[in-house]
Protein backbone atom coordinates (compact mmCIF):
# COMPACT_ATOMS: atom_id res chain seq x y z
CA UNK A 1 -91.29 230.07 -74.04
CA UNK A 2 -90.02 230.74 -70.54
CA UNK A 3 -89.85 234.47 -71.15
CA UNK A 4 -93.64 234.47 -71.52
CA UNK A 5 -94.11 232.09 -68.59
CA UNK A 6 -95.17 229.09 -70.63
CA UNK A 7 -93.65 225.79 -69.50
CA UNK A 8 -93.31 223.05 -72.08
CA UNK A 9 -92.74 219.45 -71.17
CA UNK A 10 -91.71 216.95 -73.81
CA UNK A 11 -90.63 213.36 -73.96
CA UNK A 12 -87.93 212.71 -76.51
CA UNK A 13 -87.93 208.95 -76.70
CA UNK A 14 -85.33 208.38 -79.36
CA UNK A 15 -85.68 205.36 -81.74
CA UNK A 16 -88.99 203.70 -81.05
CA UNK A 17 -90.30 200.50 -82.63
CA UNK A 18 -93.56 201.25 -84.45
CA UNK A 19 -95.34 200.15 -87.62
CA UNK A 20 -94.27 203.24 -89.58
CA UNK A 21 -91.34 201.61 -91.39
CA UNK A 22 -93.44 198.67 -92.48
CA UNK A 23 -96.14 201.08 -93.66
CA UNK A 24 -93.43 202.98 -95.54
CA UNK A 25 -92.80 199.86 -97.58
CA UNK A 26 -89.65 198.41 -96.08
CA UNK A 27 -89.47 194.64 -96.42
CA UNK A 28 -88.77 192.43 -93.34
CA UNK A 29 -85.07 191.91 -94.15
CA UNK A 30 -84.38 195.60 -94.71
CA UNK A 31 -86.26 196.52 -91.51
CA UNK A 32 -84.32 193.93 -89.52
CA UNK A 33 -81.03 195.40 -90.79
CA UNK A 34 -82.14 198.95 -89.95
CA UNK A 35 -83.22 197.86 -86.48
CA UNK A 36 -79.92 196.12 -85.86
CA UNK A 37 -78.01 199.21 -86.99
CA UNK A 38 -80.05 201.46 -84.65
CA UNK A 39 -79.77 199.07 -81.72
CA UNK A 40 -75.99 199.03 -82.08
CA UNK A 41 -75.95 202.81 -81.94
CA UNK A 42 -78.12 203.07 -78.78
CA UNK A 43 -76.36 202.88 -75.36
CA UNK A 44 -79.12 200.70 -73.90
CA UNK A 45 -78.95 198.38 -76.98
CA UNK A 46 -82.73 198.33 -77.45
CA UNK A 47 -85.44 200.16 -79.32
CA UNK A 48 -88.11 201.80 -77.26
CA UNK A 49 -91.73 200.79 -77.56
CA UNK A 50 -94.91 202.84 -77.53
CA UNK A 51 -95.59 201.35 -74.09
CA UNK A 52 -92.18 202.63 -72.84
CA UNK A 53 -93.04 206.15 -74.02
CA UNK A 54 -96.53 205.96 -72.47
CA UNK A 55 -95.08 204.82 -69.13
CA UNK A 56 -92.53 207.64 -69.05
CA UNK A 57 -95.18 210.21 -69.93
CA UNK A 58 -97.56 208.79 -67.28
CA UNK A 59 -94.86 208.80 -64.61
CA UNK A 60 -93.89 212.41 -65.30
CA UNK A 61 -97.41 213.77 -65.62
CA UNK A 62 -99.23 215.35 -62.71
CA UNK A 63 -102.18 217.61 -62.44
CA UNK A 64 -99.76 220.34 -61.35
CA UNK A 65 -97.99 219.97 -64.71
CA UNK A 66 -101.06 221.34 -66.49
CA UNK A 67 -100.86 224.72 -64.78
CA UNK A 68 -98.24 227.39 -64.66
CA UNK A 69 -97.89 230.14 -62.06
């Protein structure tokens, strides 16, 4: 997108704890095992939360970020 002077900002949060897996039908024991597996693969040893993602987005957003030159 840079070649047409469009700047794109993204937040790639990695594994984030949400309700989606429960809604997908995973039982509590399976979900716990999946979470443990993911946590062991993550350098920080924790799943992110929606609040973590919101805080990162908030801290990197500025009015200037909405406009390109």
